[in-house]
N, C-alpha and C. Protein backbone atom coordinates (compact mmCIF):
# COMPACT_ATOMS: atom_id res chain seq x y z
N MET A 1 12.15 25.79 -9.27
CA MET A 1 12.99 24.72 -9.76
C MET A 1 14.16 25.33 -10.52
N SER A 2 15.31 24.72 -10.44
CA SER A 2 16.50 25.26 -11.10
C SER A 2 16.41 25.08 -12.61
N ASP A 3 17.40 25.62 -13.31
CA ASP A 3 17.44 25.53 -14.76
C ASP A 3 17.95 24.18 -15.25
N THR A 4 18.28 23.28 -14.36
CA THR A 4 18.76 21.97 -14.78
C THR A 4 17.64 21.19 -15.44
N LYS A 5 18.03 20.19 -16.21
CA LYS A 5 17.05 19.36 -16.92
C LYS A 5 16.12 18.67 -15.92
N ARG A 6 14.85 18.77 -16.17
CA ARG A 6 13.84 18.15 -15.31
C ARG A 6 13.59 16.72 -15.76
N GLU A 7 13.56 15.79 -14.82
CA GLU A 7 13.26 14.39 -15.11
C GLU A 7 11.81 14.12 -14.76
N ASN A 8 11.11 13.38 -15.60
CA ASN A 8 9.73 12.99 -15.34
C ASN A 8 9.65 11.53 -14.99
N LEU A 9 8.85 11.21 -14.02
CA LEU A 9 8.56 9.82 -13.67
C LEU A 9 7.12 9.55 -14.05
N TRP A 10 6.89 8.54 -14.83
CA TRP A 10 5.55 8.24 -15.33
C TRP A 10 4.97 7.04 -14.59
N ALA A 11 3.80 7.19 -14.06
CA ALA A 11 3.04 6.11 -13.43
C ALA A 11 1.58 6.29 -13.82
N PRO A 12 1.23 6.09 -15.11
CA PRO A 12 -0.11 6.42 -15.59
C PRO A 12 -1.23 5.63 -14.92
N TRP A 13 -0.96 4.48 -14.37
CA TRP A 13 -2.00 3.69 -13.71
C TRP A 13 -2.51 4.37 -12.44
N ARG A 14 -1.75 5.30 -11.87
CA ARG A 14 -2.16 5.98 -10.63
C ARG A 14 -3.25 7.00 -10.85
N ILE A 15 -3.49 7.42 -12.09
CA ILE A 15 -4.46 8.47 -12.35
C ILE A 15 -5.87 8.07 -11.88
N ASP A 16 -6.22 6.79 -12.01
CA ASP A 16 -7.53 6.34 -11.53
C ASP A 16 -7.66 6.59 -10.03
N TYR A 17 -6.60 6.32 -9.29
CA TYR A 17 -6.62 6.53 -7.85
C TYR A 17 -6.71 8.02 -7.53
N ILE A 18 -5.90 8.82 -8.22
CA ILE A 18 -5.87 10.26 -7.98
C ILE A 18 -7.23 10.89 -8.24
N LYS A 19 -7.88 10.47 -9.33
CA LYS A 19 -9.19 11.00 -9.68
C LYS A 19 -10.31 10.41 -8.84
N GLY A 20 -9.99 9.38 -8.06
CA GLY A 20 -11.01 8.76 -7.22
C GLY A 20 -11.94 7.86 -7.99
N GLU A 21 -11.52 7.40 -9.19
CA GLU A 21 -12.40 6.57 -9.99
C GLU A 21 -12.67 5.21 -9.35
N GLY A 22 -11.72 4.70 -8.55
CA GLY A 22 -11.95 3.46 -7.85
C GLY A 22 -13.03 3.59 -6.78
N ALA A 23 -13.22 4.80 -6.26
CA ALA A 23 -14.19 5.03 -5.20
C ALA A 23 -15.64 5.01 -5.72
N LYS A 24 -15.84 5.09 -7.04
CA LYS A 24 -17.18 5.14 -7.60
C LYS A 24 -17.85 3.77 -7.67
N GLU A 25 -17.13 2.73 -7.36
CA GLU A 25 -17.67 1.38 -7.42
C GLU A 25 -18.77 1.20 -6.37
N THR A 26 -19.85 0.55 -6.75
CA THR A 26 -20.92 0.28 -5.79
C THR A 26 -20.64 -1.04 -5.09
N GLY A 27 -20.99 -1.10 -3.84
CA GLY A 27 -20.75 -2.31 -3.06
C GLY A 27 -19.32 -2.38 -2.56
N CYS A 28 -18.98 -3.49 -1.96
CA CYS A 28 -17.66 -3.72 -1.38
C CYS A 28 -16.69 -4.20 -2.46
N ILE A 29 -15.53 -3.56 -2.56
CA ILE A 29 -14.57 -3.95 -3.60
C ILE A 29 -14.10 -5.39 -3.40
N PHE A 30 -13.93 -5.82 -2.16
CA PHE A 30 -13.46 -7.19 -1.90
C PHE A 30 -14.55 -8.21 -2.22
N CYS A 31 -15.77 -7.95 -1.80
CA CYS A 31 -16.89 -8.87 -2.10
C CYS A 31 -17.12 -8.94 -3.61
N ASN A 32 -17.03 -7.81 -4.28
CA ASN A 32 -17.20 -7.80 -5.74
C ASN A 32 -16.14 -8.65 -6.43
N ARG A 33 -14.88 -8.52 -6.00
CA ARG A 33 -13.78 -9.24 -6.66
C ARG A 33 -13.88 -10.75 -6.46
N ILE A 34 -14.20 -11.17 -5.24
CA ILE A 34 -14.21 -12.61 -4.95
C ILE A 34 -15.34 -13.33 -5.68
N LYS A 35 -16.40 -12.60 -6.04
CA LYS A 35 -17.52 -13.20 -6.77
C LYS A 35 -17.20 -13.42 -8.25
N GLU A 36 -16.26 -12.66 -8.77
CA GLU A 36 -15.93 -12.74 -10.19
C GLU A 36 -14.93 -13.87 -10.46
N GLU A 37 -14.86 -14.31 -11.68
CA GLU A 37 -13.92 -15.36 -12.08
C GLU A 37 -12.83 -14.79 -12.98
N ARG A 38 -12.38 -13.59 -12.67
CA ARG A 38 -11.33 -12.93 -13.47
C ARG A 38 -10.15 -12.62 -12.56
N ASP A 39 -9.50 -13.67 -12.08
CA ASP A 39 -8.48 -13.49 -11.05
C ASP A 39 -7.31 -12.62 -11.49
N ARG A 40 -6.79 -12.80 -12.69
CA ARG A 40 -5.64 -11.98 -13.11
C ARG A 40 -6.06 -10.51 -13.21
N GLU A 41 -7.18 -10.25 -13.83
CA GLU A 41 -7.67 -8.87 -13.96
C GLU A 41 -7.91 -8.24 -12.59
N ASN A 42 -8.42 -9.03 -11.66
CA ASN A 42 -8.71 -8.55 -10.32
C ASN A 42 -7.54 -8.69 -9.35
N LEU A 43 -6.42 -9.26 -9.84
CA LEU A 43 -5.19 -9.41 -9.08
C LEU A 43 -5.32 -10.36 -7.90
N ILE A 44 -6.24 -11.34 -8.00
CA ILE A 44 -6.38 -12.35 -6.95
C ILE A 44 -5.36 -13.45 -7.22
N LEU A 45 -4.48 -13.67 -6.25
CA LEU A 45 -3.41 -14.66 -6.38
C LEU A 45 -3.81 -16.04 -5.88
N VAL A 46 -4.55 -16.08 -4.78
CA VAL A 46 -4.92 -17.34 -4.13
C VAL A 46 -6.33 -17.21 -3.59
N ARG A 47 -7.11 -18.27 -3.78
CA ARG A 47 -8.44 -18.37 -3.17
C ARG A 47 -8.41 -19.53 -2.18
N GLY A 48 -8.66 -19.23 -0.92
CA GLY A 48 -8.75 -20.27 0.09
C GLY A 48 -10.21 -20.57 0.39
N LYS A 49 -10.43 -21.44 1.36
CA LYS A 49 -11.80 -21.79 1.75
C LYS A 49 -12.48 -20.62 2.46
N HIS A 50 -11.72 -19.87 3.26
CA HIS A 50 -12.28 -18.79 4.08
C HIS A 50 -11.76 -17.39 3.73
N SER A 51 -10.69 -17.32 2.94
CA SER A 51 -10.08 -16.03 2.63
C SER A 51 -9.29 -16.11 1.34
N PHE A 52 -8.82 -14.95 0.87
CA PHE A 52 -8.08 -14.92 -0.38
C PHE A 52 -6.97 -13.88 -0.32
N VAL A 53 -6.03 -14.00 -1.26
CA VAL A 53 -4.91 -13.07 -1.36
C VAL A 53 -5.11 -12.25 -2.62
N ILE A 54 -5.06 -10.93 -2.48
CA ILE A 54 -5.23 -10.02 -3.61
C ILE A 54 -4.13 -8.96 -3.56
N MET A 55 -3.64 -8.58 -4.72
CA MET A 55 -2.65 -7.52 -4.78
C MET A 55 -3.34 -6.17 -4.61
N ASN A 56 -2.65 -5.25 -3.98
CA ASN A 56 -3.16 -3.90 -3.84
C ASN A 56 -2.95 -3.17 -5.17
N ARG A 57 -4.03 -2.70 -5.77
CA ARG A 57 -3.95 -2.03 -7.07
C ARG A 57 -3.18 -0.70 -6.97
N TYR A 58 -3.10 -0.12 -5.79
CA TYR A 58 -2.37 1.13 -5.57
C TYR A 58 -1.32 0.88 -4.48
N PRO A 59 -0.29 0.10 -4.81
CA PRO A 59 0.63 -0.42 -3.78
C PRO A 59 1.56 0.63 -3.19
N TYR A 60 1.94 0.38 -1.93
CA TYR A 60 2.98 1.17 -1.28
C TYR A 60 4.35 0.78 -1.84
N ASN A 61 4.51 -0.49 -2.20
CA ASN A 61 5.74 -1.04 -2.78
C ASN A 61 5.35 -2.16 -3.72
N ASN A 62 6.27 -2.55 -4.62
CA ASN A 62 6.03 -3.73 -5.45
C ASN A 62 5.70 -4.91 -4.54
N GLY A 63 4.74 -5.72 -4.92
CA GLY A 63 4.40 -6.91 -4.16
C GLY A 63 3.47 -6.67 -2.98
N HIS A 64 2.91 -5.49 -2.83
CA HIS A 64 1.99 -5.18 -1.72
C HIS A 64 0.72 -6.03 -1.89
N LEU A 65 0.50 -6.93 -0.95
CA LEU A 65 -0.65 -7.83 -0.98
C LEU A 65 -1.59 -7.55 0.18
N MET A 66 -2.82 -8.08 0.04
CA MET A 66 -3.78 -8.04 1.14
C MET A 66 -4.40 -9.43 1.28
N ILE A 67 -4.56 -9.87 2.50
CA ILE A 67 -5.25 -11.12 2.79
C ILE A 67 -6.61 -10.72 3.34
N VAL A 68 -7.67 -11.25 2.71
CA VAL A 68 -9.02 -10.77 2.96
C VAL A 68 -9.94 -11.96 3.26
N PRO A 69 -10.72 -11.91 4.34
CA PRO A 69 -11.71 -12.97 4.55
C PRO A 69 -12.78 -12.91 3.46
N ASN A 70 -13.26 -14.07 3.04
CA ASN A 70 -14.32 -14.12 2.03
C ASN A 70 -15.60 -13.47 2.55
N ARG A 71 -15.84 -13.62 3.85
CA ARG A 71 -17.06 -13.11 4.47
C ARG A 71 -16.90 -11.63 4.77
N HIS A 72 -17.88 -10.85 4.38
CA HIS A 72 -17.86 -9.41 4.60
C HIS A 72 -18.00 -9.09 6.09
N GLY A 73 -17.17 -8.18 6.56
CA GLY A 73 -17.29 -7.73 7.95
C GLY A 73 -16.09 -6.89 8.35
N GLY A 74 -16.31 -5.91 9.20
CA GLY A 74 -15.27 -5.01 9.62
C GLY A 74 -14.85 -5.16 11.07
N ASP A 75 -15.39 -6.15 11.78
CA ASP A 75 -15.11 -6.32 13.20
C ASP A 75 -14.21 -7.53 13.39
N ILE A 76 -12.97 -7.29 13.81
CA ILE A 76 -12.00 -8.38 13.98
C ILE A 76 -12.48 -9.40 15.01
N ALA A 77 -13.25 -8.96 15.99
CA ALA A 77 -13.75 -9.87 17.03
C ALA A 77 -14.76 -10.88 16.48
N LYS A 78 -15.29 -10.63 15.30
CA LYS A 78 -16.28 -11.54 14.72
C LYS A 78 -15.68 -12.54 13.74
N LEU A 79 -14.35 -12.53 13.56
CA LEU A 79 -13.71 -13.55 12.74
C LEU A 79 -13.83 -14.90 13.43
N THR A 80 -14.07 -15.94 12.66
CA THR A 80 -14.08 -17.29 13.23
C THR A 80 -12.64 -17.78 13.37
N ASN A 81 -12.46 -18.82 14.17
CA ASN A 81 -11.12 -19.41 14.31
C ASN A 81 -10.60 -19.91 12.96
N ASP A 82 -11.47 -20.50 12.15
CA ASP A 82 -11.06 -20.99 10.82
C ASP A 82 -10.60 -19.83 9.93
N GLU A 83 -11.30 -18.71 10.00
CA GLU A 83 -10.89 -17.54 9.22
C GLU A 83 -9.54 -17.01 9.68
N ILE A 84 -9.36 -16.93 10.99
CA ILE A 84 -8.10 -16.42 11.55
C ILE A 84 -6.94 -17.32 11.14
N VAL A 85 -7.10 -18.61 11.30
CA VAL A 85 -6.02 -19.56 10.97
C VAL A 85 -5.67 -19.48 9.49
N GLU A 86 -6.68 -19.48 8.64
CA GLU A 86 -6.38 -19.43 7.20
C GLU A 86 -5.76 -18.09 6.80
N MET A 87 -6.27 -17.00 7.34
CA MET A 87 -5.72 -15.69 6.99
C MET A 87 -4.24 -15.61 7.35
N PHE A 88 -3.88 -16.05 8.54
CA PHE A 88 -2.49 -15.93 8.93
C PHE A 88 -1.60 -16.99 8.30
N SER A 89 -2.19 -18.09 7.88
CA SER A 89 -1.45 -19.04 7.06
C SER A 89 -1.13 -18.41 5.70
N LEU A 90 -2.10 -17.66 5.15
CA LEU A 90 -1.87 -16.96 3.88
C LEU A 90 -0.90 -15.79 4.04
N VAL A 91 -0.84 -15.18 5.21
CA VAL A 91 0.19 -14.17 5.47
C VAL A 91 1.56 -14.82 5.35
N THR A 92 1.72 -15.99 5.97
CA THR A 92 2.99 -16.70 5.91
C THR A 92 3.34 -17.11 4.48
N GLU A 93 2.37 -17.68 3.76
CA GLU A 93 2.59 -18.05 2.36
C GLU A 93 2.94 -16.84 1.52
N SER A 94 2.32 -15.71 1.81
CA SER A 94 2.60 -14.47 1.07
C SER A 94 4.03 -14.01 1.29
N THR A 95 4.47 -14.01 2.54
CA THR A 95 5.86 -13.58 2.80
C THR A 95 6.84 -14.55 2.17
N ASN A 96 6.52 -15.85 2.16
CA ASN A 96 7.40 -16.83 1.50
C ASN A 96 7.46 -16.59 0.00
N ALA A 97 6.30 -16.39 -0.63
CA ALA A 97 6.26 -16.18 -2.09
C ALA A 97 7.01 -14.90 -2.47
N ILE A 98 6.80 -13.84 -1.71
CA ILE A 98 7.49 -12.58 -2.00
C ILE A 98 8.99 -12.72 -1.75
N SER A 99 9.35 -13.39 -0.66
CA SER A 99 10.77 -13.54 -0.33
C SER A 99 11.53 -14.29 -1.42
N CYS A 100 10.96 -15.36 -1.93
CA CYS A 100 11.69 -16.16 -2.91
C CYS A 100 11.71 -15.53 -4.29
N THR A 101 10.82 -14.59 -4.58
CA THR A 101 10.79 -13.98 -5.90
C THR A 101 11.32 -12.56 -5.94
N MET A 102 11.24 -11.84 -4.82
CA MET A 102 11.59 -10.42 -4.83
C MET A 102 12.70 -10.05 -3.85
N ASN A 103 13.04 -10.97 -2.95
CA ASN A 103 14.15 -10.81 -2.02
C ASN A 103 14.11 -9.50 -1.21
N PRO A 104 12.99 -9.22 -0.52
CA PRO A 104 12.95 -8.01 0.31
C PRO A 104 13.81 -8.16 1.56
N ALA A 105 14.16 -7.04 2.16
CA ALA A 105 14.93 -7.05 3.40
C ALA A 105 14.03 -7.21 4.62
N GLY A 106 12.73 -6.99 4.46
CA GLY A 106 11.79 -7.10 5.57
C GLY A 106 10.36 -6.89 5.08
N PHE A 107 9.43 -6.85 6.01
CA PHE A 107 8.01 -6.68 5.69
C PHE A 107 7.35 -5.79 6.72
N ASN A 108 6.33 -5.06 6.27
CA ASN A 108 5.34 -4.47 7.17
C ASN A 108 4.09 -5.31 7.00
N ILE A 109 3.55 -5.79 8.10
CA ILE A 109 2.33 -6.60 8.09
C ILE A 109 1.39 -5.99 9.11
N GLY A 110 0.15 -5.68 8.67
CA GLY A 110 -0.75 -5.08 9.63
C GLY A 110 -2.14 -4.82 9.11
N MET A 111 -2.99 -4.36 10.02
CA MET A 111 -4.38 -4.04 9.73
C MET A 111 -4.67 -2.63 10.22
N ASN A 112 -5.48 -1.92 9.47
CA ASN A 112 -6.00 -0.63 9.90
C ASN A 112 -7.48 -0.85 10.22
N LEU A 113 -7.83 -0.84 11.48
CA LEU A 113 -9.19 -1.14 11.91
C LEU A 113 -9.97 0.15 12.11
N GLY A 114 -10.83 0.46 11.17
CA GLY A 114 -11.65 1.67 11.23
C GLY A 114 -11.06 2.80 10.41
N ARG A 115 -11.93 3.68 9.97
CA ARG A 115 -11.53 4.82 9.12
C ARG A 115 -10.51 5.70 9.83
N THR A 116 -10.72 5.95 11.12
CA THR A 116 -9.81 6.81 11.88
C THR A 116 -8.41 6.21 11.95
N ALA A 117 -8.31 4.89 11.93
CA ALA A 117 -7.02 4.22 11.98
C ALA A 117 -6.35 4.13 10.61
N GLY A 118 -7.02 4.63 9.58
CA GLY A 118 -6.41 4.67 8.26
C GLY A 118 -6.96 3.67 7.26
N ALA A 119 -8.01 2.94 7.62
CA ALA A 119 -8.58 1.96 6.70
C ALA A 119 -9.26 2.66 5.54
N GLY A 120 -8.81 2.36 4.32
CA GLY A 120 -9.47 2.87 3.13
C GLY A 120 -10.77 2.13 2.88
N VAL A 121 -10.80 0.85 3.22
CA VAL A 121 -12.02 0.04 3.20
C VAL A 121 -12.21 -0.41 4.63
N ASP A 122 -13.11 0.25 5.34
CA ASP A 122 -13.24 -0.02 6.78
C ASP A 122 -14.32 -1.02 7.13
N ASP A 123 -15.12 -1.43 6.15
CA ASP A 123 -16.21 -2.37 6.47
C ASP A 123 -15.91 -3.80 6.04
N HIS A 124 -14.70 -4.05 5.53
CA HIS A 124 -14.28 -5.42 5.19
C HIS A 124 -12.82 -5.56 5.61
N LEU A 125 -12.59 -6.34 6.66
CA LEU A 125 -11.24 -6.54 7.20
C LEU A 125 -10.27 -7.00 6.13
N HIS A 126 -9.02 -6.65 6.30
CA HIS A 126 -7.95 -7.16 5.44
C HIS A 126 -6.61 -6.90 6.11
N VAL A 127 -5.66 -7.78 5.84
CA VAL A 127 -4.31 -7.67 6.38
C VAL A 127 -3.39 -7.25 5.23
N HIS A 128 -2.62 -6.20 5.44
CA HIS A 128 -1.64 -5.75 4.45
C HIS A 128 -0.32 -6.47 4.67
N VAL A 129 0.29 -6.91 3.58
CA VAL A 129 1.65 -7.46 3.58
C VAL A 129 2.43 -6.60 2.59
N VAL A 130 3.37 -5.81 3.11
CA VAL A 130 4.13 -4.87 2.28
C VAL A 130 5.62 -5.22 2.38
N PRO A 131 6.21 -5.70 1.27
CA PRO A 131 7.65 -5.96 1.29
C PRO A 131 8.43 -4.66 1.37
N ARG A 132 9.59 -4.71 2.04
CA ARG A 132 10.42 -3.52 2.22
C ARG A 132 11.86 -3.85 1.85
N TRP A 133 12.54 -2.88 1.31
CA TRP A 133 13.94 -2.99 0.94
C TRP A 133 14.71 -1.85 1.59
N ASP A 134 15.98 -2.11 1.88
CA ASP A 134 16.82 -1.03 2.40
C ASP A 134 16.80 0.12 1.41
N GLY A 135 16.51 1.31 1.90
CA GLY A 135 16.52 2.49 1.05
C GLY A 135 15.27 2.68 0.22
N ASP A 136 14.19 1.91 0.46
CA ASP A 136 13.00 2.08 -0.38
C ASP A 136 12.21 3.34 -0.04
N THR A 137 12.54 3.97 1.06
CA THR A 137 11.95 5.27 1.37
C THR A 137 13.02 6.31 1.12
N ASN A 138 12.73 7.22 0.22
CA ASN A 138 13.72 8.23 -0.13
C ASN A 138 13.03 9.59 -0.26
N PHE A 139 13.67 10.51 -0.91
CA PHE A 139 13.15 11.86 -1.01
C PHE A 139 11.90 11.95 -1.87
N MET A 140 11.64 10.99 -2.76
CA MET A 140 10.51 11.11 -3.69
C MET A 140 9.16 11.25 -2.96
N PRO A 141 8.81 10.34 -2.04
CA PRO A 141 7.51 10.53 -1.39
C PRO A 141 7.48 11.72 -0.44
N VAL A 142 8.63 12.12 0.07
CA VAL A 142 8.68 13.23 1.02
C VAL A 142 8.57 14.57 0.31
N LEU A 143 9.39 14.77 -0.73
CA LEU A 143 9.42 16.05 -1.42
C LEU A 143 8.50 16.11 -2.62
N GLY A 144 8.42 15.04 -3.36
CA GLY A 144 7.68 15.07 -4.61
C GLY A 144 6.28 14.48 -4.53
N GLU A 145 5.88 14.00 -3.35
CA GLU A 145 4.59 13.34 -3.21
C GLU A 145 4.41 12.26 -4.27
N VAL A 146 5.50 11.53 -4.54
CA VAL A 146 5.52 10.50 -5.57
C VAL A 146 6.17 9.27 -4.98
N LYS A 147 5.64 8.12 -5.28
CA LYS A 147 6.27 6.85 -4.94
C LYS A 147 6.58 6.15 -6.24
N VAL A 148 7.82 5.73 -6.43
CA VAL A 148 8.22 5.06 -7.66
C VAL A 148 8.05 3.56 -7.48
N ILE A 149 7.21 2.98 -8.30
CA ILE A 149 7.01 1.53 -8.33
C ILE A 149 7.72 1.05 -9.59
N SER A 150 8.70 0.17 -9.43
CA SER A 150 9.62 -0.11 -10.52
C SER A 150 9.15 -1.20 -11.48
N GLU A 151 8.06 -1.87 -11.20
CA GLU A 151 7.62 -2.96 -12.06
C GLU A 151 6.12 -2.85 -12.29
N HIS A 152 5.69 -3.17 -13.50
CA HIS A 152 4.25 -3.14 -13.80
C HIS A 152 3.53 -4.14 -12.91
N ILE A 153 2.36 -3.78 -12.43
CA ILE A 153 1.63 -4.61 -11.47
C ILE A 153 1.30 -6.00 -12.01
N LEU A 154 1.00 -6.14 -13.30
CA LEU A 154 0.69 -7.46 -13.85
C LEU A 154 1.94 -8.34 -13.98
N SER A 155 3.11 -7.74 -14.16
CA SER A 155 4.35 -8.51 -14.15
C SER A 155 4.60 -9.07 -12.74
N THR A 156 4.37 -8.24 -11.73
CA THR A 156 4.50 -8.70 -10.35
C THR A 156 3.47 -9.79 -10.06
N TYR A 157 2.24 -9.61 -10.55
CA TYR A 157 1.19 -10.62 -10.37
C TYR A 157 1.65 -11.96 -10.93
N ASP A 158 2.13 -11.99 -12.16
CA ASP A 158 2.53 -13.24 -12.80
C ASP A 158 3.65 -13.92 -12.03
N THR A 159 4.61 -13.16 -11.56
CA THR A 159 5.72 -13.71 -10.78
C THR A 159 5.22 -14.32 -9.48
N LEU A 160 4.38 -13.58 -8.76
CA LEU A 160 3.87 -14.08 -7.48
C LEU A 160 2.90 -15.23 -7.65
N LYS A 161 2.10 -15.21 -8.71
CA LYS A 161 1.16 -16.31 -8.97
C LYS A 161 1.92 -17.62 -9.11
N ASP A 162 3.02 -17.61 -9.86
CA ASP A 162 3.85 -18.81 -10.02
C ASP A 162 4.45 -19.24 -8.69
N ALA A 163 4.89 -18.29 -7.87
CA ALA A 163 5.48 -18.63 -6.58
C ALA A 163 4.45 -19.27 -5.66
N PHE A 164 3.22 -18.74 -5.63
CA PHE A 164 2.18 -19.34 -4.80
C PHE A 164 1.88 -20.76 -5.26
N LYS A 165 1.83 -21.00 -6.58
CA LYS A 165 1.59 -22.35 -7.10
C LYS A 165 2.67 -23.30 -6.60
N ASN A 166 3.93 -22.86 -6.62
CA ASN A 166 5.02 -23.71 -6.16
C ASN A 166 4.88 -24.06 -4.68
N PHE A 167 4.51 -23.10 -3.84
CA PHE A 167 4.35 -23.36 -2.41
C PHE A 167 3.18 -24.28 -2.15
N ILE A 168 2.08 -24.09 -2.86
CA ILE A 168 0.90 -24.93 -2.67
C ILE A 168 1.19 -26.35 -3.13
N ASP A 169 1.88 -26.53 -4.27
CA ASP A 169 2.23 -27.86 -4.76
C ASP A 169 3.15 -28.59 -3.78
N LYS A 170 4.09 -27.88 -3.14
CA LYS A 170 5.00 -28.50 -2.19
C LYS A 170 4.28 -28.97 -0.93
N GLU A 171 3.18 -28.29 -0.56
CA GLU A 171 2.44 -28.63 0.65
C GLU A 171 1.57 -29.86 0.45
N LYS A 172 1.28 -30.21 -0.80
CA LYS A 172 0.39 -31.36 -1.07
C LYS A 172 1.13 -32.67 -1.00
């Protein structure tokens, strides 16, 4: 490194992920979260009849959400029609809530089916919704193995929680 002043980027919440402390949990992280009544702490934004929306605690970008069926299972072919319809309805609601509050330029939406395909949790299906902005990929993740998340996760939670309430109220 040159003699120029070194800048530090602090993301202390990532240390749990780096140390693998999240991996020590027994049971399924999604099943555990949906059973609890601590939605803000668990980052659950919406609970549907068949599925729920939860923020990714280790996001790729601000606003990274996951839509998860309530029923445990890793085989997409075993989803019921009701689960499929509600999950993709929540994908749409998620993109609407993120769009009106965070103004992304686009989204990555997808599933990693199986460990080989990149699923960190391969025994409980989930759909990732990742907002994207022009220029959000830069030298930091390539050279520094660092991703800069510009807002605290609970601030993003509060903003998105209000947006989901507004969309749900308008639908009634």
